Amino acid sequence: GTRVYVANFTPGNVSVIDTATNTVTTTVPVGTSPIGVAVNPAGTRVYVTNQNSDNVSVIDTTTNTVVATVAVGTVPWGVAVNPAGTRVYVAINGSNSVSVIDTATNTVADTVAVGLSPVGVAVNPAGTRVYVANNGTNSVSVIDTATNTVADTVAVGDRPYGVAVNPAGTRVYVTNNNSDNVSVIDTATNTVVATVPVGFTPFGVAVNPAGTRVYVANNGSNNVSVIDTATNTVAATVAVGFSPEAFGLFIGPAPTSLDQAGIPYLLPAAALGFAVLIVLGRLRRQRG
C-alpha cells in the first residue's frame, strides 16, 4: 500500500511511512510500549497493541489520530484483523488468552483461553481460523472463529513466536526462537509437515503474495532467511542491520524508491512487485 505503520516501543508511538518517498510523514502517540500493529483490509484503521498499558489503540488513517482505546488483558502482544475487517484478534501474553474485538463497537466481544504466553497471531484468508503461537507451551492454538473456541493444538518447536498463513490458507509458518527453525503446518490436518532450519533467534515471518517465498527475520544473526515453499528449504540469506525483528505483516506492494535511511530496512524486491520491510532494533521482552 501507500503507508507503512511501525510501532516504536520505547517512545510509545507509531511512525507512519510514505512508501513513495520512504519518509516518516507523521508520528502518532499511542499507549505504553507498543509492539503489535495490524491494518484493516480497507486501510482505514490501524490497531496497535500496547504491552505495558494493557490496551489496544485504534488509529484513524485519514487523520492519523487515535479514535478509540480498547482495554484488553495483561501484556497484549500480537494482533491480526480478519478479512472482513469485523474482528481483531489480540494475543494476551500475560493472561494466556486471545481477546476478540468487535470493530463496530471497539469493545471486547469474547475472550478465548489458549496456551501459555501467546505471542504471534494470524488469521487465515477465509477468516475461519486463527493461529496463535504459544511461546510458553511450544504449541500453536487453532481457533474456530465461528465459535471462538480452540479447535486444535499443534506442537511446534522451542519458543514459537511469529505466525504467518500463506495466501491459499493451506500452510502456516511458525518461527521458533530457541530451536532456530520454522515449523510448517498443514492446515488440512493441523500437523507439522516440515521443519526448516534458519538463522539464530527467528522472530518475524511473512509470506509473499504468490505464496512461493517465506521471509524470516533472524534477530540473533542479523539476517533474513528466504524459504522456498516448494521445497521447504532456505533459498537465500540476506544480511540486514542489527537485531531485525519485523513482528507483524511486513510485505506489501513495492514502493517507487528503495532508498531507506531510517530504522526500517527495505529488501530490494521491487522487480517481484512487492517489498519486504524489516524493522531493526533490540530484542523485545515482556514486562514482569
C-alpha atoms as a PDB file:
ATOM      1  CA  GLY A   1       0.000   0.000   0.000  1.00  0.00           C
ATOM      2  CA  THR A   2       0.958   3.649   0.280  1.00  0.00           C
ATOM      3  CA  ARG A   3       1.665   3.654   4.008  1.00  0.00           C
ATOM      4  CA  VAL A   4       3.684   1.577   6.462  1.00  0.00           C
ATOM      5  CA  TYR A   5       2.993   1.699  10.201  1.00  0.00           C
ATOM      6  CA  VAL A   6       5.873   0.969  12.592  1.00  0.00           C
ATOM      7  CA  ALA A   7       5.450   0.661  16.370  1.00  0.00           C
ATOM      8  CA  ASN A   8       8.207   2.426  18.319  1.00  0.00           C
ATOM      9  CA  PHE A   9       8.470   0.502  21.592  1.00  0.00           C
ATOM     10  CA  THR A  10      10.309   2.966  23.836  1.00  0.00           C
ATOM     11  CA  PRO A  11       8.842   6.346  22.770  1.00  0.00           C
ATOM     12  CA  GLY A  12       5.326   4.885  22.771  1.00  0.00           C
ATOM     13  CA  ASN A  13       4.271   5.975  19.308  1.00  0.00           C
ATOM     14  CA  VAL A  14       3.706   4.806  15.744  1.00  0.00           C
ATOM     15  CA  SER A  15       5.653   6.121  12.758  1.00  0.00           C
ATOM     16  CA  VAL A  16       3.706   6.499   9.519  1.00  0.00           C
ATOM     17  CA  ILE A  17       5.957   5.987   6.485  1.00  0.00           C
ATOM     18  CA  ASP A  18       5.049   7.124   2.968  1.00  0.00           C
ATOM     19  CA  THR A  19       6.158   4.258   0.696  1.00  0.00           C
ATOM     20  CA  ALA A  20       6.527   6.556  -2.321  1.00  0.00           C
ATOM     21  CA  THR A  21       9.280   8.563  -0.626  1.00  0.00           C
ATOM     22  CA  ASN A  22      10.249   6.229   2.251  1.00  0.00           C
ATOM     23  CA  THR A  23       9.991   9.094   4.710  1.00  0.00           C
ATOM     24  CA  VAL A  24       8.148   9.393   8.010  1.00  0.00           C
ATOM     25  CA  THR A  25       5.199  11.702   7.387  1.00  0.00           C
ATOM     26  CA  THR A  26       3.803  11.731  10.908  1.00  0.00           C
ATOM     27  CA  THR A  27       4.121  10.135  14.333  1.00  0.00           C
ATOM     28  CA  VAL A  28       1.054   9.058  16.312  1.00  0.00           C
ATOM     29  CA  PRO A  29       1.252   8.829  20.136  1.00  0.00           C
ATOM     30  CA  VAL A  30      -0.316   5.609  21.449  1.00  0.00           C
ATOM     31  CA  GLY A  31      -0.054   3.647  24.708  1.00  0.00           C
ATOM     32  CA  THR A  32       2.971   2.435  26.654  1.00  0.00           C
ATOM     33  CA  SER A  33       5.377   0.043  24.895  1.00  0.00           C
ATOM     34  CA  PRO A  34       3.533  -0.578  21.599  1.00  0.00           C
ATOM     35  CA  ILE A  35       4.619  -3.764  19.836  1.00  0.00           C
ATOM     36  CA  GLY A  36       1.946  -5.266  17.556  1.00  0.00           C
ATOM     37  CA  VAL A  37       0.449  -3.483  14.540  1.00  0.00           C
ATOM     38  CA  ALA A  38      -2.312  -4.560  12.154  1.00  0.00           C
ATOM     39  CA  VAL A  39      -4.169  -2.650   9.429  1.00  0.00           C
ATOM     40  CA  ASN A  40      -7.742  -3.487   8.441  1.00  0.00           C
ATOM     41  CA  PRO A  41      -8.383  -4.585   4.822  1.00  0.00           C
ATOM     42  CA  ALA A  42      -9.982  -1.248   3.921  1.00  0.00           C
ATOM     43  CA  GLY A  43      -6.894   0.613   5.140  1.00  0.00           C
ATOM     44  CA  THR A  44      -8.995   2.891   7.326  1.00  0.00           C
ATOM     45  CA  ARG A  45      -7.958   1.662  10.773  1.00  0.00           C
ATOM     46  CA  VAL A  46      -4.695   0.598  12.408  1.00  0.00           C
ATOM     47  CA  TYR A  47      -4.741  -1.493  15.587  1.00  0.00           C
ATOM     48  CA  VAL A  48      -1.751  -1.216  17.933  1.00  0.00           C
ATOM     49  CA  THR A  49      -1.143  -3.390  20.995  1.00  0.00           C
ATOM     50  CA  ASN A  50       0.359  -1.523  23.937  1.00  0.00           C
ATOM     51  CA  GLN A  51       2.273  -4.030  26.003  1.00  0.00           C
ATOM     52  CA  ASN A  52       2.598  -2.113  29.261  1.00  0.00           C
ATOM     53  CA  SER A  53      -0.718  -0.263  29.290  1.00  0.00           C
ATOM     54  CA  ASP A  54      -2.776  -3.394  28.578  1.00  0.00           C
ATOM     55  CA  ASN A  55      -4.822  -1.921  25.758  1.00  0.00           C
ATOM     56  CA  VAL A  56      -5.164  -1.506  22.014  1.00  0.00           C
ATOM     57  CA  SER A  57      -5.028   1.873  20.278  1.00  0.00           C
ATOM     58  CA  VAL A  58      -7.272   2.307  17.231  1.00  0.00           C
ATOM     59  CA  ILE A  59      -5.863   4.799  14.722  1.00  0.00           C
ATOM     60  CA  ASP A  60      -7.942   6.509  12.034  1.00  0.00           C
ATOM     61  CA  THR A  61      -5.670   6.506   8.973  1.00  0.00           C
ATOM     62  CA  THR A  62      -7.349   9.572   7.465  1.00  0.00           C
ATOM     63  CA  THR A  63      -6.465  11.809  10.394  1.00  0.00           C
ATOM     64  CA  ASN A  64      -3.654   9.737  11.939  1.00  0.00           C
ATOM     65  CA  THR A  65      -5.219  10.116  15.359  1.00  0.00           C
ATOM     66  CA  VAL A  66      -6.284   7.598  17.998  1.00  0.00           C
ATOM     67  CA  VAL A  67     -10.084   7.356  17.859  1.00  0.00           C
ATOM     68  CA  ALA A  68     -10.513   4.593  20.448  1.00  0.00           C
ATOM     69  CA  THR A  69      -8.598   2.750  23.155  1.00  0.00           C
ATOM     70  CA  VAL A  70      -9.734  -0.790  23.932  1.00  0.00           C
ATOM     71  CA  ALA A  71      -8.854  -2.320  27.300  1.00  0.00           C
ATOM     72  CA  VAL A  72      -7.738  -5.939  26.982  1.00  0.00           C
ATOM     73  CA  GLY A  73      -5.836  -8.408  29.184  1.00  0.00           C
ATOM     74  CA  THR A  74      -2.350  -8.215  30.675  1.00  0.00           C
ATOM     75  CA  VAL A  75       0.532  -7.686  28.217  1.00  0.00           C
ATOM     76  CA  PRO A  76      -1.131  -7.707  24.773  1.00  0.00           C
ATOM     77  CA  TRP A  77       1.299  -8.744  22.033  1.00  0.00           C
ATOM     78  CA  GLY A  78       0.397  -9.918  18.531  1.00  0.00           C
ATOM     79  CA  VAL A  79      -2.636  -8.594  16.663  1.00  0.00           C
ATOM     80  CA  ALA A  80      -4.447  -9.566  13.458  1.00  0.00           C
ATOM     81  CA  VAL A  81      -7.594  -8.396  11.649  1.00  0.00           C
ATOM     82  CA  ASN A  82      -9.961 -10.789   9.879  1.00  0.00           C
ATOM     83  CA  PRO A  83     -10.509 -10.387   6.104  1.00  0.00           C
ATOM     84  CA  ALA A  84     -13.941  -8.826   6.639  1.00  0.00           C
ATOM     85  CA  GLY A  85     -12.486  -6.203   8.963  1.00  0.00           C
ATOM     86  CA  THR A  86     -15.115  -7.008  11.589  1.00  0.00           C
ATOM     87  CA  ARG A  87     -12.938  -8.699  14.209  1.00  0.00           C
ATOM     88  CA  VAL A  88      -9.496  -8.053  15.667  1.00  0.00           C
ATOM     89  CA  TYR A  89      -7.645 -10.851  17.445  1.00  0.00           C
ATOM     90  CA  VAL A  90      -5.133  -9.917  20.147  1.00  0.00           C
ATOM     91  CA  ALA A  91      -2.732 -12.357  21.808  1.00  0.00           C
ATOM     92  CA  ILE A  92      -2.726 -11.592  25.539  1.00  0.00           C
ATOM     93  CA  ASN A  93       0.677 -12.792  26.716  1.00  0.00           C
ATOM     94  CA  GLY A  94       0.132 -12.323  30.440  1.00  0.00           C
ATOM     95  CA  SER A  95      -3.398 -13.716  30.531  1.00  0.00           C
ATOM     96  CA  ASN A  96      -2.845 -16.778  28.298  1.00  0.00           C
ATOM     97  CA  SER A  97      -5.740 -15.803  26.093  1.00  0.00           C
ATOM     98  CA  VAL A  98      -6.877 -14.086  22.901  1.00  0.00           C
ATOM     99  CA  SER A  99      -9.151 -11.052  23.047  1.00  0.00           C
ATOM    100  CA  VAL A 100     -11.667 -10.777  20.204  1.00  0.00           C
ATOM    101  CA  ILE A 101     -12.509  -7.144  19.454  1.00  0.00           C
ATOM    102  CA  ASP A 102     -15.687  -6.142  17.620  1.00  0.00           C
ATOM    103  CA  THR A 103     -14.565  -3.355  15.276  1.00  0.00           C
ATOM    104  CA  ALA A 104     -18.056  -1.844  15.050  1.00  0.00           C
ATOM    105  CA  THR A 105     -18.088  -1.042  18.762  1.00  0.00           C
ATOM    106  CA  ASN A 106     -14.373  -1.214  19.641  1.00  0.00           C
ATOM    107  CA  THR A 107     -15.160  -3.491  22.567  1.00  0.00           C
ATOM    108  CA  VAL A 108     -14.008  -6.991  23.522  1.00  0.00           C
ATOM    109  CA  ALA A 109     -16.723  -9.351  22.285  1.00  0.00           C
ATOM    110  CA  ASP A 110     -15.100 -12.560  23.532  1.00  0.00           C
ATOM    111  CA  THR A 111     -12.019 -13.994  25.227  1.00  0.00           C
ATOM    112  CA  VAL A 112     -10.520 -17.336  24.192  1.00  0.00           C
ATOM    113  CA  ALA A 113      -8.227 -19.304  26.515  1.00  0.00           C
ATOM    114  CA  VAL A 114      -5.129 -20.603  24.697  1.00  0.00           C
ATOM    115  CA  GLY A 115      -1.670 -21.874  25.730  1.00  0.00           C
ATOM    116  CA  LEU A 116       0.892 -20.163  27.939  1.00  0.00           C
ATOM    117  CA  SER A 117       2.358 -16.802  26.914  1.00  0.00           C
ATOM    118  CA  PRO A 118       0.801 -16.352  23.455  1.00  0.00           C
ATOM    119  CA  VAL A 119       2.753 -14.016  21.193  1.00  0.00           C
ATOM    120  CA  GLY A 120       2.093 -14.155  17.444  1.00  0.00           C
ATOM    121  CA  VAL A 121      -1.357 -14.404  15.880  1.00  0.00           C
ATOM    122  CA  ALA A 122      -2.587 -14.762  12.285  1.00  0.00           C
ATOM    123  CA  VAL A 123      -5.959 -15.211  10.564  1.00  0.00           C
ATOM    124  CA  ASN A 124      -6.440 -17.437   7.526  1.00  0.00           C
ATOM    125  CA  PRO A 125      -7.701 -15.856   4.257  1.00  0.00           C
ATOM    126  CA  ALA A 126     -11.196 -17.301   4.759  1.00  0.00           C
ATOM    127  CA  GLY A 127     -11.437 -15.776   8.225  1.00  0.00           C
ATOM    128  CA  THR A 128     -12.459 -19.130   9.682  1.00  0.00           C
ATOM    129  CA  ARG A 129      -9.321 -19.947  11.669  1.00  0.00           C
ATOM    130  CA  VAL A 130      -6.942 -18.008  13.894  1.00  0.00           C
ATOM    131  CA  TYR A 131      -3.475 -19.383  14.623  1.00  0.00           C
ATOM    132  CA  VAL A 132      -1.790 -18.400  17.892  1.00  0.00           C
ATOM    133  CA  ALA A 133       1.848 -19.085  18.829  1.00  0.00           C
ATOM    134  CA  ASN A 134       2.051 -20.098  22.493  1.00  0.00           C
ATOM    135  CA  ASN A 135       5.600 -19.198  23.496  1.00  0.00           C
ATOM    136  CA  GLY A 136       5.354 -20.866  26.903  1.00  0.00           C
ATOM    137  CA  THR A 137       3.932 -24.230  25.833  1.00  0.00           C
ATOM    138  CA  ASN A 138       5.677 -24.694  22.460  1.00  0.00           C
ATOM    139  CA  SER A 139       2.416 -25.000  20.596  1.00  0.00           C
ATOM    140  CA  VAL A 140       0.005 -23.296  18.218  1.00  0.00           C
ATOM    141  CA  SER A 141      -3.655 -22.940  19.150  1.00  0.00           C
ATOM    142  CA  VAL A 142      -6.105 -23.177  16.250  1.00  0.00           C
ATOM    143  CA  ILE A 143      -9.208 -21.104  16.981  1.00  0.00           C
ATOM    144  CA  ASP A 144     -12.518 -21.684  15.197  1.00  0.00           C
ATOM    145  CA  THR A 145     -13.840 -18.161  14.609  1.00  0.00           C
ATOM    146  CA  ALA A 146     -17.460 -19.318  14.346  1.00  0.00           C
ATOM    147  CA  THR A 147     -17.457 -20.478  17.966  1.00  0.00           C
ATOM    148  CA  ASN A 148     -14.388 -18.674  19.366  1.00  0.00           C
ATOM    149  CA  THR A 149     -13.104 -21.947  20.778  1.00  0.00           C
ATOM    150  CA  VAL A 150      -9.820 -23.808  20.320  1.00  0.00           C
ATOM    151  CA  ALA A 151     -10.442 -26.492  17.691  1.00  0.00           C
ATOM    152  CA  ASP A 152      -6.944 -27.979  17.823  1.00  0.00           C
ATOM    153  CA  THR A 153      -3.477 -27.547  19.330  1.00  0.00           C
ATOM    154  CA  VAL A 154      -0.336 -28.238  17.293  1.00  0.00           C
ATOM    155  CA  ALA A 155       3.047 -28.978  18.896  1.00  0.00           C
ATOM    156  CA  VAL A 156       5.848 -26.982  17.245  1.00  0.00           C
ATOM    157  CA  GLY A 157       9.461 -26.034  18.082  1.00  0.00           C
ATOM    158  CA  ASP A 158      11.043 -24.399  21.107  1.00  0.00           C
ATOM    159  CA  ARG A 159       9.576 -20.975  21.965  1.00  0.00           C
ATOM    160  CA  PRO A 160       7.332 -20.210  18.966  1.00  0.00           C
ATOM    161  CA  TYR A 161       6.960 -16.509  18.237  1.00  0.00           C
ATOM    162  CA  GLY A 162       5.813 -15.344  14.801  1.00  0.00           C
ATOM    163  CA  VAL A 163       2.962 -16.813  12.738  1.00  0.00           C
ATOM    164  CA  ALA A 164       2.017 -16.354   9.074  1.00  0.00           C
ATOM    165  CA  VAL A 165      -0.545 -18.048   6.811  1.00  0.00           C
ATOM    166  CA  ASN A 166       0.008 -18.457   3.075  1.00  0.00           C
ATOM    167  CA  PRO A 167      -2.496 -16.834   0.652  1.00  0.00           C
ATOM    168  CA  ALA A 168      -4.106 -20.203  -0.141  1.00  0.00           C
ATOM    169  CA  GLY A 169      -4.689 -20.888   3.546  1.00  0.00           C
ATOM    170  CA  THR A 170      -3.052 -24.301   3.236  1.00  0.00           C
ATOM    171  CA  ARG A 171       0.144 -23.684   5.197  1.00  0.00           C
ATOM    172  CA  VAL A 172       1.038 -21.903   8.429  1.00  0.00           C
ATOM    173  CA  TYR A 173       4.639 -20.873   9.117  1.00  0.00           C
ATOM    174  CA  VAL A 174       5.803 -20.521  12.731  1.00  0.00           C
ATOM    175  CA  THR A 175       9.177 -19.189  13.886  1.00  0.00           C
ATOM    176  CA  ASN A 176      10.729 -20.974  16.869  1.00  0.00           C
ATOM    177  CA  ASN A 177      13.032 -18.681  18.881  1.00  0.00           C
ATOM    178  CA  ASN A 178      15.096 -21.239  20.760  1.00  0.00           C
ATOM    179  CA  SER A 179      15.318 -24.010  18.177  1.00  0.00           C
ATOM    180  CA  ASP A 180      16.280 -21.625  15.352  1.00  0.00           C
ATOM    181  CA  ASN A 181      13.836 -23.055  12.855  1.00  0.00           C
ATOM    182  CA  VAL A 182      10.428 -22.671  11.244  1.00  0.00           C
ATOM    183  CA  SER A 183       7.593 -25.166  11.651  1.00  0.00           C
ATOM    184  CA  VAL A 184       5.406 -25.661   8.574  1.00  0.00           C
ATOM    185  CA  ILE A 185       1.839 -26.673   9.455  1.00  0.00           C
ATOM    186  CA  ASP A 186      -0.583 -28.316   7.019  1.00  0.00           C
ATOM    187  CA  THR A 187      -3.929 -26.660   7.789  1.00  0.00           C
ATOM    188  CA  ALA A 188      -5.961 -29.620   6.497  1.00  0.00           C
ATOM    189  CA  THR A 189      -4.530 -31.953   9.128  1.00  0.00           C
ATOM    190  CA  ASN A 190      -3.110 -29.464  11.661  1.00  0.00           C
ATOM    191  CA  THR A 191       0.185 -31.321  11.676  1.00  0.00           C
ATOM    192  CA  VAL A 192       3.774 -30.170  11.161  1.00  0.00           C
ATOM    193  CA  VAL A 193       4.860 -31.380   7.713  1.00  0.00           C
ATOM    194  CA  ALA A 194       8.305 -29.758   7.662  1.00  0.00           C
ATOM    195  CA  THR A 195      10.833 -28.053   9.927  1.00  0.00           C
ATOM    196  CA  VAL A 196      13.175 -25.592   8.220  1.00  0.00           C
ATOM    197  CA  PRO A 197      16.473 -24.551   9.897  1.00  0.00           C
ATOM    198  CA  VAL A 198      17.042 -20.790   9.629  1.00  0.00           C
ATOM    199  CA  GLY A 199      19.253 -18.219  11.408  1.00  0.00           C
ATOM    200  CA  PHE A 200      19.622 -17.527  15.107  1.00  0.00           C
ATOM    201  CA  THR A 201      16.563 -16.465  17.131  1.00  0.00           C
ATOM    202  CA  PRO A 202      13.990 -16.121  14.353  1.00  0.00           C
ATOM    203  CA  PHE A 203      11.243 -13.604  15.127  1.00  0.00           C
ATOM    204  CA  GLY A 204       9.045 -12.201  12.386  1.00  0.00           C
ATOM    205  CA  VAL A 205       7.726 -14.244   9.475  1.00  0.00           C
ATOM    206  CA  ALA A 206       5.761 -13.288   6.348  1.00  0.00           C
ATOM    207  CA  VAL A 207       4.690 -14.929   3.088  1.00  0.00           C
ATOM    208  CA  ASN A 208       4.909 -13.226  -0.299  1.00  0.00           C
ATOM    209  CA  PRO A 209       1.681 -12.607  -2.293  1.00  0.00           C
ATOM    210  CA  ALA A 210       2.321 -15.585  -4.591  1.00  0.00           C
ATOM    211  CA  GLY A 211       2.910 -17.928  -1.667  1.00  0.00           C
ATOM    212  CA  THR A 212       6.242 -19.020  -3.124  1.00  0.00           C
ATOM    213  CA  ARG A 213       8.590 -17.445  -0.596  1.00  0.00           C
ATOM    214  CA  VAL A 214       8.610 -17.038   3.180  1.00  0.00           C
ATOM    215  CA  TYR A 215      10.741 -14.332   4.800  1.00  0.00           C
ATOM    216  CA  VAL A 216      12.093 -14.876   8.312  1.00  0.00           C
ATOM    217  CA  ALA A 217      13.775 -12.136  10.372  1.00  0.00           C
ATOM    218  CA  ASN A 218      16.604 -13.702  12.385  1.00  0.00           C
ATOM    219  CA  ASN A 219      17.104 -11.459  15.405  1.00  0.00           C
ATOM    220  CA  GLY A 220      20.263 -13.188  16.605  1.00  0.00           C
ATOM    221  CA  SER A 221      22.146 -13.451  13.314  1.00  0.00           C
ATOM    222  CA  ASN A 222      21.219 -10.095  11.746  1.00  0.00           C
ATOM    223  CA  ASN A 223      19.827 -11.546   8.561  1.00  0.00           C
ATOM    224  CA  VAL A 224      16.693 -12.687   6.765  1.00  0.00           C
ATOM    225  CA  SER A 225      16.156 -16.266   5.615  1.00  0.00           C
ATOM    226  CA  VAL A 226      14.200 -16.669   2.372  1.00  0.00           C
ATOM    227  CA  ILE A 227      12.407 -20.023   2.294  1.00  0.00           C
ATOM    228  CA  ASP A 228      11.321 -21.668  -0.960  1.00  0.00           C
ATOM    229  CA  THR A 229       7.850 -23.030  -0.163  1.00  0.00           C
ATOM    230  CA  ALA A 230       8.031 -25.707  -2.875  1.00  0.00           C
ATOM    231  CA  THR A 231      10.999 -27.404  -1.220  1.00  0.00           C
ATOM    232  CA  ASN A 232      10.817 -26.018   2.338  1.00  0.00           C
ATOM    233  CA  THR A 233      14.485 -25.103   2.171  1.00  0.00           C
ATOM    234  CA  VAL A 234      16.318 -21.794   2.556  1.00  0.00           C
ATOM    235  CA  ALA A 235      16.911 -20.415  -0.939  1.00  0.00           C
ATOM    236  CA  ALA A 236      18.781 -17.287   0.183  1.00  0.00           C
ATOM    237  CA  THR A 237      20.051 -15.469   3.254  1.00  0.00           C
ATOM    238  CA  VAL A 238      20.097 -11.665   3.202  1.00  0.00           C
ATOM    239  CA  ALA A 239      22.235  -9.670   5.638  1.00  0.00           C
ATOM    240  CA  VAL A 240      20.409  -6.742   7.261  1.00  0.00           C
ATOM    241  CA  GLY A 241      21.081  -4.423  10.197  1.00  0.00           C
ATOM    242  CA  PHE A 242      21.275  -5.132  13.909  1.00  0.00           C
ATOM    243  CA  SER A 243      18.646  -7.347  15.573  1.00  0.00           C
ATOM    244  CA  PRO A 244      15.880  -7.495  12.940  1.00  0.00           C
ATOM    245  CA  GLU A 245      12.504  -8.222  14.499  1.00  0.00           C
ATOM    246  CA  ALA A 246       9.799  -7.481  11.925  1.00  0.00           C
ATOM    247  CA  PHE A 247       6.948  -8.570  14.142  1.00  0.00           C
ATOM    248  CA  GLY A 248       3.685  -8.497  12.172  1.00  0.00           C
ATOM    249  CA  LEU A 249       2.913  -8.066   8.473  1.00  0.00           C
ATOM    250  CA  PHE A 250       5.984  -6.776   6.665  1.00  0.00           C
ATOM    251  CA  ILE A 251       5.358  -7.495   2.998  1.00  0.00           C
ATOM    252  CA  GLY A 252       3.485  -5.137   0.701  1.00  0.00           C
ATOM    253  CA  PRO A 253       3.442  -3.661  -2.830  1.00  0.00           C
ATOM    254  CA  ALA A 254       6.815  -2.323  -3.933  1.00  0.00           C
ATOM    255  CA  PRO A 255       7.360   1.407  -3.334  1.00  0.00           C
ATOM    256  CA  THR A 256       8.736   3.641  -6.077  1.00  0.00           C
ATOM    257  CA  SER A 257      12.014   4.099  -4.233  1.00  0.00           C
ATOM    258  CA  LEU A 258      14.038   1.722  -2.067  1.00  0.00           C
ATOM    259  CA  ASP A 259      16.414   4.326  -0.638  1.00  0.00           C
ATOM    260  CA  GLN A 260      15.876   3.905   3.093  1.00  0.00           C
ATOM    261  CA  ALA A 261      17.981   5.823   5.573  1.00  0.00           C
ATOM    262  CA  GLY A 262      15.988   5.326   8.763  1.00  0.00           C
ATOM    263  CA  ILE A 263      15.406   2.367  11.048  1.00  0.00           C
ATOM    264  CA  PRO A 264      13.163   0.350   8.706  1.00  0.00           C
ATOM    265  CA  TYR A 265      15.096  -1.638   6.107  1.00  0.00           C
ATOM    266  CA  LEU A 266      13.602  -2.481   2.723  1.00  0.00           C
ATOM    267  CA  LEU A 267      14.855  -5.570   0.912  1.00  0.00           C
ATOM    268  CA  PRO A 268      15.245  -4.764  -2.825  1.00  0.00           C
ATOM    269  CA  ALA A 269      12.357  -6.794  -4.172  1.00  0.00           C
ATOM    270  CA  ALA A 270      10.796  -4.213  -6.479  1.00  0.00           C
ATOM    271  CA  ALA A 271      11.229  -6.428  -9.521  1.00  0.00           C
ATOM    272  CA  LEU A 272       8.992  -9.005  -7.866  1.00  0.00           C
ATOM    273  CA  GLY A 273       6.194  -6.492  -7.367  1.00  0.00           C
ATOM    274  CA  PHE A 274       6.436  -6.368  -3.607  1.00  0.00           C
ATOM    275  CA  ALA A 275       8.798  -5.179  -0.899  1.00  0.00           C
ATOM    276  CA  VAL A 276       9.870  -6.602   2.429  1.00  0.00           C
ATOM    277  CA  LEU A 277      10.129  -4.153   5.315  1.00  0.00           C
ATOM    278  CA  ILE A 278      12.341  -5.255   8.197  1.00  0.00           C
ATOM    279  CA  VAL A 279      12.291  -3.324  11.466  1.00  0.00           C
ATOM    280  CA  LEU A 280      15.633  -3.247  13.208  1.00  0.00           C
ATOM    281  CA  GLY A 281      16.168  -2.851  16.929  1.00  0.00           C
ATOM    282  CA  ARG A 282      16.836  -4.547  20.204  1.00  0.00           C
ATOM    283  CA  LEU A 283      15.136  -7.702  21.431  1.00  0.00           C
ATOM    284  CA  ARG A 284      11.738  -7.013  22.991  1.00  0.00           C
ATOM    285  CA  ARG A 285      10.993  -8.603  26.336  1.00  0.00           C
ATOM    286  CA  GLN A 286       7.717  -8.767  28.191  1.00  0.00           C
ATOM    287  CA  ARG A 287       7.442  -6.979  31.497  1.00  0.00           C
ATOM    288  CA  GLY A 288       7.499  -8.897  34.734  1.00  0.00           C
END
